[in-house]
Amino acid sequence: MESITKLRIFVASPSDVRAERDQLKTVVEDWNTTFSSSEKIVLELVRWETHVSPSMGRPQSVVYKQLGPHDIFIGIMWKRFGTPSAVADSGTEEEFRIAYEAWKLNPELEILALRVKRWW
């Protein structure tokens, strides 16, 4: 039986980059279709839209609790910073801070930050 590594990718972003979030889903699906067998790596994209259900509590806490740990954090920004949370200027910032604290404990975790440039 062969061993396959599963890497969980968490994407954080404000609402003005929905198209980029959706494109990331396509990229992950393409990777899994094309490379997962040969590379023995499967990617799982975890997003609040697909992995979180309504629950009681502070919204960002609910999101992070339900999404669980991740191996790769991708932050995407354009014009908006996001909606303030109870502990940060935006949910995206709070998610980054949590990822950064996890990275300090385990530097093998990846943190990527993307700034979108649109020409339209």
PDB file of N, CA and C in Angstrom:
ATOM      1  N   MET A   1       0.839  -1.181   0.000  1.00  0.00           N
ATOM      2  CA  MET A   1       0.000   0.000   0.000  1.00  0.00           C
ATOM      3  C   MET A   1       0.884   1.244   0.000  1.00  0.00           C
ATOM      4  N   GLU A   2       0.626   2.158  -0.940  1.00  0.00           N
ATOM      5  CA  GLU A   2       1.450   3.352  -1.035  1.00  0.00           C
ATOM      6  C   GLU A   2       0.957   4.440  -0.089  1.00  0.00           C
ATOM      7  N   SER A   3       1.893   5.257   0.358  1.00  0.00           N
ATOM      8  CA  SER A   3       1.575   6.354   1.258  1.00  0.00           C
ATOM      9  C   SER A   3       1.368   7.631   0.447  1.00  0.00           C
ATOM     10  N   ILE A   4       0.283   8.332   0.753  1.00  0.00           N
ATOM     11  CA  ILE A   4      -0.017   9.592   0.085  1.00  0.00           C
ATOM     12  C   ILE A   4      -0.129  10.675   1.151  1.00  0.00           C
ATOM     13  N   THR A   5       0.537  11.793   0.916  1.00  0.00           N
ATOM     14  CA  THR A   5       0.492  12.929   1.824  1.00  0.00           C
ATOM     15  C   THR A   5      -0.678  13.825   1.454  1.00  0.00           C
ATOM     16  N   LYS A   6      -1.443  14.221   2.452  1.00  0.00           N
ATOM     17  CA  LYS A   6      -2.544  15.155   2.239  1.00  0.00           C
ATOM     18  C   LYS A   6      -2.143  16.491   2.850  1.00  0.00           C
ATOM     19  N   LEU A   7      -2.152  17.547   2.031  1.00  0.00           N
ATOM     20  CA  LEU A   7      -1.844  18.884   2.506  1.00  0.00           C
ATOM     21  C   LEU A   7      -3.117  19.714   2.483  1.00  0.00           C
ATOM     22  N   ARG A   8      -3.427  20.311   3.633  1.00  0.00           N
ATOM     23  CA  ARG A   8      -4.622  21.147   3.747  1.00  0.00           C
ATOM     24  C   ARG A   8      -4.223  22.595   3.519  1.00  0.00           C
ATOM     25  N   ILE A   9      -4.925  23.250   2.609  1.00  0.00           N
ATOM     26  CA  ILE A   9      -4.659  24.642   2.259  1.00  0.00           C
ATOM     27  C   ILE A   9      -5.825  25.491   2.750  1.00  0.00           C
ATOM     28  N   PHE A  10      -5.528  26.457   3.596  1.00  0.00           N
ATOM     29  CA  PHE A  10      -6.539  27.397   4.081  1.00  0.00           C
ATOM     30  C   PHE A  10      -6.375  28.708   3.338  1.00  0.00           C
ATOM     31  N   VAL A  11      -7.461  29.228   2.774  1.00  0.00           N
ATOM     32  CA  VAL A  11      -7.404  30.502   2.063  1.00  0.00           C
ATOM     33  C   VAL A  11      -8.195  31.549   2.839  1.00  0.00           C
ATOM     34  N   ALA A  12      -7.549  32.684   3.077  1.00  0.00           N
ATOM     35  CA  ALA A  12      -8.170  33.800   3.801  1.00  0.00           C
ATOM     36  C   ALA A  12      -8.165  35.016   2.900  1.00  0.00           C
ATOM     37  N   SER A  13      -9.309  35.709   2.857  1.00  0.00           N
ATOM     38  CA  SER A  13      -9.387  36.895   2.008  1.00  0.00           C
ATOM     39  C   SER A  13     -10.680  37.637   2.284  1.00  0.00           C
ATOM     40  N   PRO A  14     -10.698  38.937   1.973  1.00  0.00           N
ATOM     41  CA  PRO A  14     -11.949  39.683   2.038  1.00  0.00           C
ATOM     42  C   PRO A  14     -12.812  39.362   0.813  1.00  0.00           C
ATOM     43  N   SER A  15     -14.016  39.896   0.802  1.00  0.00           N
ATOM     44  CA  SER A  15     -15.008  39.506  -0.209  1.00  0.00           C
ATOM     45  C   SER A  15     -14.728  40.009  -1.618  1.00  0.00           C
ATOM     46  N   ASP A  16     -13.817  40.959  -1.800  1.00  0.00           N
ATOM     47  CA  ASP A  16     -13.606  41.490  -3.145  1.00  0.00           C
ATOM     48  C   ASP A  16     -12.698  40.628  -4.013  1.00  0.00           C
ATOM     49  N   VAL A  17     -12.250  39.511  -3.514  1.00  0.00           N
ATOM     50  CA  VAL A  17     -11.410  38.611  -4.313  1.00  0.00           C
ATOM     51  C   VAL A  17     -12.055  37.228  -4.476  1.00  0.00           C
ATOM     52  N   ARG A  18     -13.359  37.213  -4.563  1.00  0.00           N
ATOM     53  CA  ARG A  18     -14.081  35.943  -4.724  1.00  0.00           C
ATOM     54  C   ARG A  18     -13.631  35.199  -5.979  1.00  0.00           C
ATOM     55  N   ALA A  19     -13.407  35.909  -7.073  1.00  0.00           N
ATOM     56  CA  ALA A  19     -12.983  35.252  -8.317  1.00  0.00           C
ATOM     57  C   ALA A  19     -11.650  34.531  -8.123  1.00  0.00           C
ATOM     58  N   GLU A  20     -10.722  35.150  -7.393  1.00  0.00           N
ATOM     59  CA  GLU A  20      -9.425  34.522  -7.141  1.00  0.00           C
ATOM     60  C   GLU A  20      -9.571  33.317  -6.223  1.00  0.00           C
ATOM     61  N   ARG A  21     -10.464  33.417  -5.232  1.00  0.00           N
ATOM     62  CA  ARG A  21     -10.725  32.265  -4.351  1.00  0.00           C
ATOM     63  C   ARG A  21     -11.270  31.102  -5.173  1.00  0.00           C
ATOM     64  N   ASP A  22     -12.187  31.410  -6.081  1.00  0.00           N
ATOM     65  CA  ASP A  22     -12.764  30.367  -6.925  1.00  0.00           C
ATOM     66  C   ASP A  22     -11.714  29.789  -7.875  1.00  0.00           C
ATOM     67  N   GLN A  23     -10.829  30.627  -8.378  1.00  0.00           N
ATOM     68  CA  GLN A  23      -9.766  30.137  -9.259  1.00  0.00           C
ATOM     69  C   GLN A  23      -8.815  29.212  -8.506  1.00  0.00           C
ATOM     70  N   LEU A  24      -8.550  29.516  -7.254  1.00  0.00           N
ATOM     71  CA  LEU A  24      -7.693  28.653  -6.441  1.00  0.00           C
ATOM     72  C   LEU A  24      -8.289  27.253  -6.332  1.00  0.00           C
ATOM     73  N   LYS A  25      -9.601  27.169  -6.237  1.00  0.00           N
ATOM     74  CA  LYS A  25     -10.282  25.863  -6.223  1.00  0.00           C
ATOM     75  C   LYS A  25      -9.962  25.092  -7.501  1.00  0.00           C
ATOM     76  N   THR A  26     -10.004  25.775  -8.630  1.00  0.00           N
ATOM     77  CA  THR A  26      -9.695  25.138  -9.911  1.00  0.00           C
ATOM     78  C   THR A  26      -8.242  24.672  -9.953  1.00  0.00           C
ATOM     79  N   VAL A  27      -7.330  25.489  -9.450  1.00  0.00           N
ATOM     80  CA  VAL A  27      -5.912  25.132  -9.438  1.00  0.00           C
ATOM     81  C   VAL A  27      -5.689  23.866  -8.599  1.00  0.00           C
ATOM     82  N   VAL A  28      -6.314  23.810  -7.431  1.00  0.00           N
ATOM     83  CA  VAL A  28      -6.169  22.635  -6.559  1.00  0.00           C
ATOM     84  C   VAL A  28      -6.744  21.391  -7.241  1.00  0.00           C
ATOM     85  N   GLU A  29      -7.912  21.517  -7.852  1.00  0.00           N
ATOM     86  CA  GLU A  29      -8.504  20.375  -8.562  1.00  0.00           C
ATOM     87  C   GLU A  29      -7.602  19.916  -9.707  1.00  0.00           C
ATOM     88  N   ASP A  30      -7.032  20.869 -10.454  1.00  0.00           N
ATOM     89  CA  ASP A  30      -6.124  20.521 -11.548  1.00  0.00           C
ATOM     90  C   ASP A  30      -4.882  19.798 -11.028  1.00  0.00           C
ATOM     91  N   TRP A  31      -4.318  20.300  -9.930  1.00  0.00           N
ATOM     92  CA  TRP A  31      -3.145  19.632  -9.328  1.00  0.00           C
ATOM     93  C   TRP A  31      -3.493  18.188  -8.979  1.00  0.00           C
ATOM     94  N   ASN A  32      -4.608  18.006  -8.288  1.00  0.00           N
ATOM     95  CA  ASN A  32      -4.978  16.667  -7.849  1.00  0.00           C
ATOM     96  C   ASN A  32      -5.199  15.731  -9.034  1.00  0.00           C
ATOM     97  N   THR A  33      -5.801  16.229 -10.095  1.00  0.00           N
ATOM     98  CA  THR A  33      -6.042  15.410 -11.279  1.00  0.00           C
ATOM     99  C   THR A  33      -4.733  15.070 -11.993  1.00  0.00           C
ATOM    100  N   THR A  34      -3.840  16.038 -12.085  1.00  0.00           N
ATOM    101  CA  THR A  34      -2.629  15.877 -12.886  1.00  0.00           C
ATOM    102  C   THR A  34      -1.455  15.266 -12.123  1.00  0.00           C
ATOM    103  N   PHE A  35      -1.244  15.681 -10.876  1.00  0.00           N
ATOM    104  CA  PHE A  35      -0.004  15.333 -10.185  1.00  0.00           C
ATOM    105  C   PHE A  35      -0.147  14.478  -8.929  1.00  0.00           C
ATOM    106  N   SER A  36      -1.326  14.355  -8.367  1.00  0.00           N
ATOM    107  CA  SER A  36      -1.429  13.685  -7.064  1.00  0.00           C
ATOM    108  C   SER A  36      -0.909  12.249  -7.099  1.00  0.00           C
ATOM    109  N   SER A  37      -1.164  11.523  -8.151  1.00  0.00           N
ATOM    110  CA  SER A  37      -0.685  10.131  -8.226  1.00  0.00           C
ATOM    111  C   SER A  37       0.825  10.061  -8.342  1.00  0.00           C
ATOM    112  N   SER A  38       1.399  10.847  -9.242  1.00  0.00           N
ATOM    113  CA  SER A  38       2.852  10.768  -9.448  1.00  0.00           C
ATOM    114  C   SER A  38       3.637  11.374  -8.286  1.00  0.00           C
ATOM    115  N   GLU A  39       3.108  12.430  -7.674  1.00  0.00           N
ATOM    116  CA  GLU A  39       3.813  13.102  -6.590  1.00  0.00           C
ATOM    117  C   GLU A  39       3.454  12.562  -5.208  1.00  0.00           C
ATOM    118  N   LYS A  40       2.421  11.759  -5.145  1.00  0.00           N
ATOM    119  CA  LYS A  40       1.941  11.178  -3.874  1.00  0.00           C
ATOM    120  C   LYS A  40       1.520  12.262  -2.884  1.00  0.00           C
ATOM    121  N   ILE A  41       0.944  13.341  -3.432  1.00  0.00           N
ATOM    122  CA  ILE A  41       0.451  14.455  -2.619  1.00  0.00           C
ATOM    123  C   ILE A  41      -0.944  14.814  -3.099  1.00  0.00           C
ATOM    124  N   VAL A  42      -1.877  14.901  -2.172  1.00  0.00           N
ATOM    125  CA  VAL A  42      -3.237  15.349  -2.466  1.00  0.00           C
ATOM    126  C   VAL A  42      -3.447  16.662  -1.725  1.00  0.00           C
ATOM    127  N   LEU A  43      -3.983  17.642  -2.431  1.00  0.00           N
ATOM    128  CA  LEU A  43      -4.271  18.936  -1.826  1.00  0.00           C
ATOM    129  C   LEU A  43      -5.752  19.020  -1.481  1.00  0.00           C
ATOM    130  N   GLU A  44      -6.047  19.587  -0.308  1.00  0.00           N
ATOM    131  CA  GLU A  44      -7.430  19.853   0.097  1.00  0.00           C
ATOM    132  C   GLU A  44      -7.543  21.339   0.388  1.00  0.00           C
ATOM    133  N   LEU A  45      -8.403  22.008  -0.353  1.00  0.00           N
ATOM    134  CA  LEU A  45      -8.641  23.428  -0.143  1.00  0.00           C
ATOM    135  C   LEU A  45      -9.761  23.582   0.878  1.00  0.00           C
ATOM    136  N   VAL A  46      -9.455  24.198   2.013  1.00  0.00           N
ATOM    137  CA  VAL A  46     -10.475  24.403   3.047  1.00  0.00           C
ATOM    138  C   VAL A  46     -10.866  25.878   3.053  1.00  0.00           C
ATOM    139  N   ARG A  47     -12.157  26.101   2.872  1.00  0.00           N
ATOM    140  CA  ARG A  47     -12.713  27.447   2.802  1.00  0.00           C
ATOM    141  C   ARG A  47     -13.960  27.493   3.656  1.00  0.00           C
ATOM    142  N   TRP A  48     -14.255  28.657   4.205  1.00  0.00           N
ATOM    143  CA  TRP A  48     -15.449  28.764   5.035  1.00  0.00           C
ATOM    144  C   TRP A  48     -16.692  28.444   4.216  1.00  0.00           C
ATOM    145  N   GLU A  49     -16.666  28.735   2.913  1.00  0.00           N
ATOM    146  CA  GLU A  49     -17.836  28.501   2.077  1.00  0.00           C
ATOM    147  C   GLU A  49     -18.198  27.023   1.968  1.00  0.00           C
ATOM    148  N   THR A  50     -17.198  26.158   2.058  1.00  0.00           N
ATOM    149  CA  THR A  50     -17.428  24.732   1.848  1.00  0.00           C
ATOM    150  C   THR A  50     -17.222  23.877   3.088  1.00  0.00           C
ATOM    151  N   HIS A  51     -16.536  24.385   4.093  1.00  0.00           N
ATOM    152  CA  HIS A  51     -16.164  23.562   5.235  1.00  0.00           C
ATOM    153  C   HIS A  51     -16.734  24.043   6.575  1.00  0.00           C
ATOM    154  N   VAL A  52     -17.571  25.072   6.557  1.00  0.00           N
ATOM    155  CA  VAL A  52     -18.105  25.615   7.810  1.00  0.00           C
ATOM    156  C   VAL A  52     -19.627  25.619   7.745  1.00  0.00           C
ATOM    157  N   SER A  53     -20.228  25.174   8.842  1.00  0.00           N
ATOM    158  CA  SER A  53     -21.686  25.225   8.947  1.00  0.00           C
ATOM    159  C   SER A  53     -22.069  26.195  10.059  1.00  0.00           C
ATOM    160  N   PRO A  54     -23.296  26.727  10.026  1.00  0.00           N
ATOM    161  CA  PRO A  54     -23.718  27.676  11.054  1.00  0.00           C
ATOM    162  C   PRO A  54     -23.593  27.074  12.453  1.00  0.00           C
ATOM    163  N   SER A  55     -23.123  27.901  13.376  1.00  0.00           N
ATOM    164  CA  SER A  55     -22.948  27.440  14.748  1.00  0.00           C
ATOM    165  C   SER A  55     -22.940  28.661  15.664  1.00  0.00           C
ATOM    166  N   MET A  56     -23.155  28.427  16.933  1.00  0.00           N
ATOM    167  CA  MET A  56     -23.150  29.504  17.919  1.00  0.00           C
ATOM    168  C   MET A  56     -21.718  29.914  18.233  1.00  0.00           C
ATOM    169  N   GLY A  57     -21.541  31.199  18.458  1.00  0.00           N
ATOM    170  CA  GLY A  57     -20.238  31.709  18.855  1.00  0.00           C
ATOM    171  C   GLY A  57     -19.807  32.864  17.975  1.00  0.00           C
ATOM    172  N   ARG A  58     -18.656  33.400  18.302  1.00  0.00           N
ATOM    173  CA  ARG A  58     -18.082  34.485  17.518  1.00  0.00           C
ATOM    174  C   ARG A  58     -17.731  33.932  16.132  1.00  0.00           C
ATOM    175  N   PRO A  59     -18.133  34.600  15.049  1.00  0.00           N
ATOM    176  CA  PRO A  59     -17.971  34.040  13.709  1.00  0.00           C
ATOM    177  C   PRO A  59     -16.561  33.543  13.385  1.00  0.00           C
ATOM    178  N   GLN A  60     -15.528  34.335  13.635  1.00  0.00           N
ATOM    179  CA  GLN A  60     -14.172  33.889  13.311  1.00  0.00           C
ATOM    180  C   GLN A  60     -13.760  32.676  14.130  1.00  0.00           C
ATOM    181  N   SER A  61     -14.201  32.598  15.373  1.00  0.00           N
ATOM    182  CA  SER A  61     -13.891  31.424  16.192  1.00  0.00           C
ATOM    183  C   SER A  61     -14.558  30.183  15.632  1.00  0.00           C
ATOM    184  N   VAL A  62     -15.805  30.340  15.192  1.00  0.00           N
ATOM    185  CA  VAL A  62     -16.535  29.221  14.588  1.00  0.00           C
ATOM    186  C   VAL A  62     -15.800  28.738  13.343  1.00  0.00           C
ATOM    187  N   VAL A  63     -15.399  29.675  12.495  1.00  0.00           N
ATOM    188  CA  VAL A  63     -14.692  29.316  11.262  1.00  0.00           C
ATOM    189  C   VAL A  63     -13.425  28.538  11.581  1.00  0.00           C
ATOM    190  N   TYR A  64     -12.577  29.086  12.437  1.00  0.00           N
ATOM    191  CA  TYR A  64     -11.304  28.432  12.710  1.00  0.00           C
ATOM    192  C   TYR A  64     -11.478  27.094  13.417  1.00  0.00           C
ATOM    193  N   LYS A  65     -12.438  27.011  14.310  1.00  0.00           N
ATOM    194  CA  LYS A  65     -12.675  25.745  15.011  1.00  0.00           C
ATOM    195  C   LYS A  65     -13.100  24.654  14.031  1.00  0.00           C
ATOM    196  N   GLN A  66     -13.999  24.997  13.108  1.00  0.00           N
ATOM    197  CA  GLN A  66     -14.502  23.990  12.179  1.00  0.00           C
ATOM    198  C   GLN A  66     -13.495  23.647  11.078  1.00  0.00           C
ATOM    199  N   LEU A  67     -12.672  24.604  10.678  1.00  0.00           N
ATOM    200  CA  LEU A  67     -11.705  24.316   9.622  1.00  0.00           C
ATOM    201  C   LEU A  67     -10.550  23.460  10.117  1.00  0.00           C
ATOM    202  N   GLY A  68     -10.190  23.604  11.364  1.00  0.00           N
ATOM    203  CA  GLY A  68      -9.118  22.790  11.915  1.00  0.00           C
ATOM    204  C   GLY A  68      -7.746  23.206  11.399  1.00  0.00           C
ATOM    205  N   PRO A  69      -6.736  22.393  11.694  1.00  0.00           N
ATOM    206  CA  PRO A  69      -5.361  22.751  11.317  1.00  0.00           C
ATOM    207  C   PRO A  69      -5.155  22.693   9.802  1.00  0.00           C
ATOM    208  N   HIS A  70      -4.160  23.431   9.342  1.00  0.00           N
ATOM    209  CA  HIS A  70      -3.825  23.430   7.927  1.00  0.00           C
ATOM    210  C   HIS A  70      -2.304  23.418   7.773  1.00  0.00           C
ATOM    211  N   ASP A  71      -1.861  23.033   6.580  1.00  0.00           N
ATOM    212  CA  ASP A  71      -0.427  22.965   6.284  1.00  0.00           C
ATOM    213  C   ASP A  71       0.059  24.194   5.529  1.00  0.00           C
ATOM    214  N   ILE A  72      -0.850  24.792   4.770  1.00  0.00           N
ATOM    215  CA  ILE A  72      -0.517  25.950   3.949  1.00  0.00           C
ATOM    216  C   ILE A  72      -1.595  27.009   4.158  1.00  0.00           C
ATOM    217  N   PHE A  73      -1.167  28.226   4.413  1.00  0.00           N
ATOM    218  CA  PHE A  73      -2.082  29.365   4.554  1.00  0.00           C
ATOM    219  C   PHE A  73      -1.853  30.275   3.355  1.00  0.00           C
ATOM    220  N   ILE A  74      -2.931  30.609   2.642  1.00  0.00           N
ATOM    221  CA  ILE A  74      -2.836  31.559   1.534  1.00  0.00           C
ATOM    222  C   ILE A  74      -3.745  32.741   1.843  1.00  0.00           C
ATOM    223  N   GLY A  75      -3.161  33.913   1.927  1.00  0.00           N
ATOM    224  CA  GLY A  75      -3.910  35.143   2.112  1.00  0.00           C
ATOM    225  C   GLY A  75      -3.959  35.902   0.794  1.00  0.00           C
ATOM    226  N   ILE A  76      -5.150  36.304   0.383  1.00  0.00           N
ATOM    227  CA  ILE A  76      -5.324  37.032  -0.875  1.00  0.00           C
ATOM    228  C   ILE A  76      -5.948  38.393  -0.571  1.00  0.00           C
ATOM    229  N   MET A  77      -5.358  39.458  -1.109  1.00  0.00           N
ATOM    230  CA  MET A  77      -5.861  40.813  -0.866  1.00  0.00           C
ATOM    231  C   MET A  77      -5.960  41.562  -2.189  1.00  0.00           C
ATOM    232  N   TRP A  78      -6.883  42.531  -2.220  1.00  0.00           N
ATOM    233  CA  TRP A  78      -6.954  43.476  -3.335  1.00  0.00           C
ATOM    234  C   TRP A  78      -7.224  44.851  -2.745  1.00  0.00           C
ATOM    235  N   LYS A  79      -8.468  45.341  -2.823  1.00  0.00           N
ATOM    236  CA  LYS A  79      -8.770  46.684  -2.328  1.00  0.00           C
ATOM    237  C   LYS A  79      -9.291  46.706  -0.900  1.00  0.00           C
ATOM    238  N   ARG A  80     -10.026  45.676  -0.508  1.00  0.00           N
ATOM    239  CA  ARG A  80     -10.632  45.655   0.825  1.00  0.00           C
ATOM    240  C   ARG A  80      -9.719  44.962   1.814  1.00  0.00           C
ATOM    241  N   PHE A  81      -9.798  45.385   3.063  1.00  0.00           N
ATOM    242  CA  PHE A  81      -9.071  44.704   4.130  1.00  0.00           C
ATOM    243  C   PHE A  81      -9.970  43.676   4.806  1.00  0.00           C
ATOM    244  N   GLY A  82     -11.276  43.860   4.707  1.00  0.00           N
ATOM    245  CA  GLY A  82     -12.220  42.914   5.283  1.00  0.00           C
ATOM    246  C   GLY A  82     -13.054  43.542   6.379  1.00  0.00           C
ATOM    247  N   THR A  83     -13.872  42.722   6.980  1.00  0.00           N
ATOM    248  CA  THR A  83     -14.781  43.151   8.033  1.00  0.00           C
ATOM    249  C   THR A  83     -14.113  42.979   9.390  1.00  0.00           C
ATOM    250  N   PRO A  84     -14.178  43.998  10.250  1.00  0.00           N
ATOM    251  CA  PRO A  84     -13.552  43.858  11.571  1.00  0.00           C
ATOM    252  C   PRO A  84     -14.102  42.657  12.347  1.00  0.00           C
ATOM    253  N   SER A  85     -13.204  42.005  13.059  1.00  0.00           N
ATOM    254  CA  SER A  85     -13.603  40.930  13.975  1.00  0.00           C
ATOM    255  C   SER A  85     -13.449  41.472  15.397  1.00  0.00           C
ATOM    256  N   ALA A  86     -13.762  40.681  16.370  1.00  0.00           N
ATOM    257  CA  ALA A  86     -13.674  41.135  17.757  1.00  0.00           C
ATOM    258  C   ALA A  86     -12.230  41.347  18.223  1.00  0.00           C
ATOM    259  N   VAL A  87     -11.258  40.760  17.507  1.00  0.00           N
ATOM    260  CA  VAL A  87      -9.869  40.836  17.974  1.00  0.00           C
ATOM    261  C   VAL A  87      -8.888  41.398  16.940  1.00  0.00           C
ATOM    262  N   ALA A  88      -9.378  41.765  15.744  1.00  0.00           N
ATOM    263  CA  ALA A  88      -8.491  42.305  14.707  1.00  0.00           C
ATOM    264  C   ALA A  88      -9.280  43.262  13.813  1.00  0.00           C
ATOM    265  N   ASP A  89      -8.546  43.996  12.981  1.00  0.00           N
ATOM    266  CA  ASP A  89      -9.196  44.938  12.075  1.00  0.00           C
ATOM    267  C   ASP A  89      -9.992  44.245  10.976  1.00  0.00           C
ATOM    268  N   SER A  90      -9.747  42.954  10.765  1.00  0.00           N
ATOM    269  CA  SER A  90     -10.543  42.174   9.811  1.00  0.00           C
ATOM    270  C   SER A  90     -10.417  40.698  10.135  1.00  0.00           C
ATOM    271  N   GLY A  91     -11.370  39.926   9.623  1.00  0.00           N
ATOM    272  CA  GLY A  91     -11.291  38.474   9.784  1.00  0.00           C
ATOM    273  C   GLY A  91     -10.053  37.920   9.105  1.00  0.00           C
ATOM    274  N   THR A  92      -9.701  38.494   7.954  1.00  0.00           N
ATOM    275  CA  THR A  92      -8.503  38.046   7.236  1.00  0.00           C
ATOM    276  C   THR A  92      -7.254  38.279   8.083  1.00  0.00           C
ATOM    277  N   GLU A  93      -7.182  39.441   8.731  1.00  0.00           N
ATOM    278  CA  GLU A  93      -6.033  39.714   9.605  1.00  0.00           C
ATOM    279  C   GLU A  93      -6.000  38.735  10.768  1.00  0.00           C
ATOM    280  N   GLU A  94      -7.146  38.467  11.376  1.00  0.00           N
ATOM    281  CA  GLU A  94      -7.188  37.517  12.490  1.00  0.00           C
ATOM    282  C   GLU A  94      -6.727  36.136  12.031  1.00  0.00           C
ATOM    283  N   GLU A  95      -7.189  35.710  10.847  1.00  0.00           N
ATOM    284  CA  GLU A  95      -6.782  34.406  10.324  1.00  0.00           C
ATOM    285  C   GLU A  95      -5.279  34.370  10.070  1.00  0.00           C
ATOM    286  N   PHE A  96      -4.716  35.462   9.548  1.00  0.00           N
ATOM    287  CA  PHE A  96      -3.270  35.527   9.337  1.00  0.00           C
ATOM    288  C   PHE A  96      -2.527  35.443  10.665  1.00  0.00           C
ATOM    289  N   ARG A  97      -2.990  36.178  11.673  1.00  0.00           N
ATOM    290  CA  ARG A  97      -2.317  36.154  12.979  1.00  0.00           C
ATOM    291  C   ARG A  97      -2.290  34.739  13.559  1.00  0.00           C
ATOM    292  N   ILE A  98      -3.402  34.024  13.431  1.00  0.00           N
ATOM    293  CA  ILE A  98      -3.456  32.642  13.931  1.00  0.00           C
ATOM    294  C   ILE A  98      -2.471  31.766  13.158  1.00  0.00           C
ATOM    295  N   ALA A  99      -2.442  31.927  11.837  1.00  0.00           N
ATOM    296  CA  ALA A  99      -1.506  31.152  11.013  1.00  0.00           C
ATOM    297  C   ALA A  99      -0.061  31.484  11.374  1.00  0.00           C
ATOM    298  N   TYR A 100       0.214  32.755  11.617  1.00  0.00           N
ATOM    299  CA  TYR A 100       1.569  33.179  11.965  1.00  0.00           C
ATOM    300  C   TYR A 100       2.004  32.584  13.302  1.00  0.00           C
ATOM    301  N   GLU A 101       1.115  32.583  14.276  1.00  0.00           N
ATOM    302  CA  GLU A 101       1.439  31.970  15.572  1.00  0.00           C
ATOM    303  C   GLU A 101       1.702  30.468  15.408  1.00  0.00           C
ATOM    304  N   ALA A 102       0.916  29.803  14.567  1.00  0.00           N
ATOM    305  CA  ALA A 102       1.142  28.372  14.302  1.00  0.00           C
ATOM    306  C   ALA A 102       2.489  28.170  13.614  1.00  0.00           C
ATOM    307  N   TRP A 103       2.837  29.065  12.682  1.00  0.00           N
ATOM    308  CA  TRP A 103       4.117  28.970  11.984  1.00  0.00           C
ATOM    309  C   TRP A 103       5.293  29.140  12.953  1.00  0.00           C
ATOM    310  N   LYS A 104       5.154  30.031  13.931  1.00  0.00           N
ATOM    311  CA  LYS A 104       6.236  30.224  14.900  1.00  0.00           C
ATOM    312  C   LYS A 104       6.491  28.943  15.683  1.00  0.00           C
ATOM    313  N   LEU A 105       5.446  28.150  15.908  1.00  0.00           N
ATOM    314  CA  LEU A 105       5.607  26.872  16.602  1.00  0.00           C
ATOM    315  C   LEU A 105       6.088  25.772  15.669  1.00  0.00           C
ATOM    316  N   ASN A 106       5.759  25.886  14.373  1.00  0.00           N
ATOM    317  CA  ASN A 106       6.133  24.877  13.387  1.00  0.00           C
ATOM    318  C   ASN A 106       6.485  25.569  12.073  1.00  0.00           C
ATOM    319  N   PRO A 107       7.770  25.954  11.888  1.00  0.00           N
ATOM    320  CA  PRO A 107       8.171  26.683  10.682  1.00  0.00           C
ATOM    321  C   PRO A 107       8.031  25.892   9.380  1.00  0.00           C
ATOM    322  N   GLU A 108       7.658  24.619   9.457  1.00  0.00           N
ATOM    323  CA  GLU A 108       7.410  23.863   8.228  1.00  0.00           C
ATOM    324  C   GLU A 108       6.062  24.222   7.606  1.00  0.00           C
ATOM    325  N   LEU A 109       5.198  24.867   8.368  1.00  0.00           N
ATOM    326  CA  LEU A 109       3.946  25.354   7.796  1.00  0.00           C
ATOM    327  C   LEU A 109       4.278  26.467   6.811  1.00  0.00           C
ATOM    328  N   GLU A 110       3.505  26.564   5.753  1.00  0.00           N
ATOM    329  CA  GLU A 110       3.741  27.584   4.734  1.00  0.00           C
ATOM    330  C   GLU A 110       2.736  28.714   4.869  1.00  0.00           C
ATOM    331  N   ILE A 111       3.209  29.946   4.722  1.00  0.00           N
ATOM    332  CA  ILE A 111       2.340  31.119   4.683  1.00  0.00           C
ATOM    333  C   ILE A 111       2.647  31.867   3.390  1.00  0.00           C
ATOM    334  N   LEU A 112       1.631  32.038   2.570  1.00  0.00           N
ATOM    335  CA  LEU A 112       1.771  32.750   1.303  1.00  0.00           C
ATOM    336  C   LEU A 112       0.825  33.939   1.308  1.00  0.00           C
ATOM    337  N   ALA A 113       1.274  35.052   0.815  1.00  0.00           N
ATOM    338  CA  ALA A 113       0.426  36.236   0.714  1.00  0.00           C
ATOM    339  C   ALA A 113       0.443  36.725  -0.725  1.00  0.00           C
ATOM    340  N   LEU A 114      -0.732  36.937  -1.281  1.00  0.00           N
ATOM    341  CA  LEU A 114      -0.868  37.380  -2.664  1.00  0.00           C
ATOM    342  C   LEU A 114      -1.600  38.706  -2.706  1.00  0.00           C
ATOM    343  N   ARG A 115      -1.107  39.613  -3.501  1.00  0.00           N
ATOM    344  CA  ARG A 115      -1.814  40.867  -3.742  1.00  0.00           C
ATOM    345  C   ARG A 115      -2.291  40.829  -5.176  1.00  0.00           C
ATOM    346  N   VAL A 116      -3.580  40.935  -5.359  1.00  0.00           N
ATOM    347  CA  VAL A 116      -4.189  40.855  -6.676  1.00  0.00           C
ATOM    348  C   VAL A 116      -4.035  42.193  -7.390  1.00  0.00           C
ATOM    349  N   LYS A 117      -3.671  42.134  -8.657  1.00  0.00           N
ATOM    350  CA  LYS A 117      -3.653  43.323  -9.505  1.00  0.00           C
ATOM    351  C   LYS A 117      -4.638  43.062 -10.627  1.00  0.00           C
ATOM    352  N   ARG A 118      -5.611  43.909 -10.733  1.00  0.00           N
ATOM    353  CA  ARG A 118      -6.585  43.794 -11.806  1.00  0.00           C
ATOM    354  C   ARG A 118      -6.444  45.000 -12.717  1.00  0.00           C
ATOM    355  N   TRP A 119      -6.615  44.774 -13.974  1.00  0.00           N
ATOM    356  CA  TRP A 119      -6.474  45.846 -14.955  1.00  0.00           C
ATOM    357  C   TRP A 119      -7.802  46.296 -15.518  1.00  0.00           C
ATOM    358  N   TRP A 120      -8.899  45.840 -14.936  1.00  0.00           N
ATOM    359  CA  TRP A 120     -10.213  46.268 -15.419  1.00  0.00           C
ATOM    360  C   TRP A 120     -10.944  47.051 -14.378  1.00  0.00           C
TER     361      TRP A 120
END
